[in-house]
Amino acid sequence: MPPKGKAPAQQFATAISGLTSVIELKKQRIAQLNHEIEADIKGLEEYGPLTIVAHQQRQEECRRIIKECEEWNEFFDEAIGPFEKSYHDSQDAVRVKYDEAMVRYKASIQTLIREFGYNPAFKRWHDQL
């Protein structure tokens, strides 16, 4: 429903004016984007090959480093791996012996409590067990 108080010709003129403003803004934005595209193309022509070469060199360097690390890992697994396994085995053996010692310690404390009336709550720092 048309607004009251304006003639249809005036409403049409207002709509055309609004559309013209939008079109002009879009033209300015298109011109700005075209200018940015031209600047990007010029920048690529100036710096593109250099940055591409630099990225390719960095990529090759990273591949070389990865290859060296993989070779070192293989050497480690072959040369150091058996020692690492024996280290873990000895840790497991120590853990088993420690657990056995703790069981015997608890049993000995129970023997002291039962046979001699020892109370662990009253143990002094210089008491000998």
Foldseek 3Di string as FASTA:
>chain_A
DDDPPDDPVVVVVVVVVVVVVVVVVVVVVVVVVVVVVVVVVVCCVVCVVVVVVVVVVVVVVVVVVVVVVVVVVVVCCVPVVVVVVVVVVVVVVVVVVVVVVVVVVVVVVVVCCVPPVDDVVPDDPPDDD
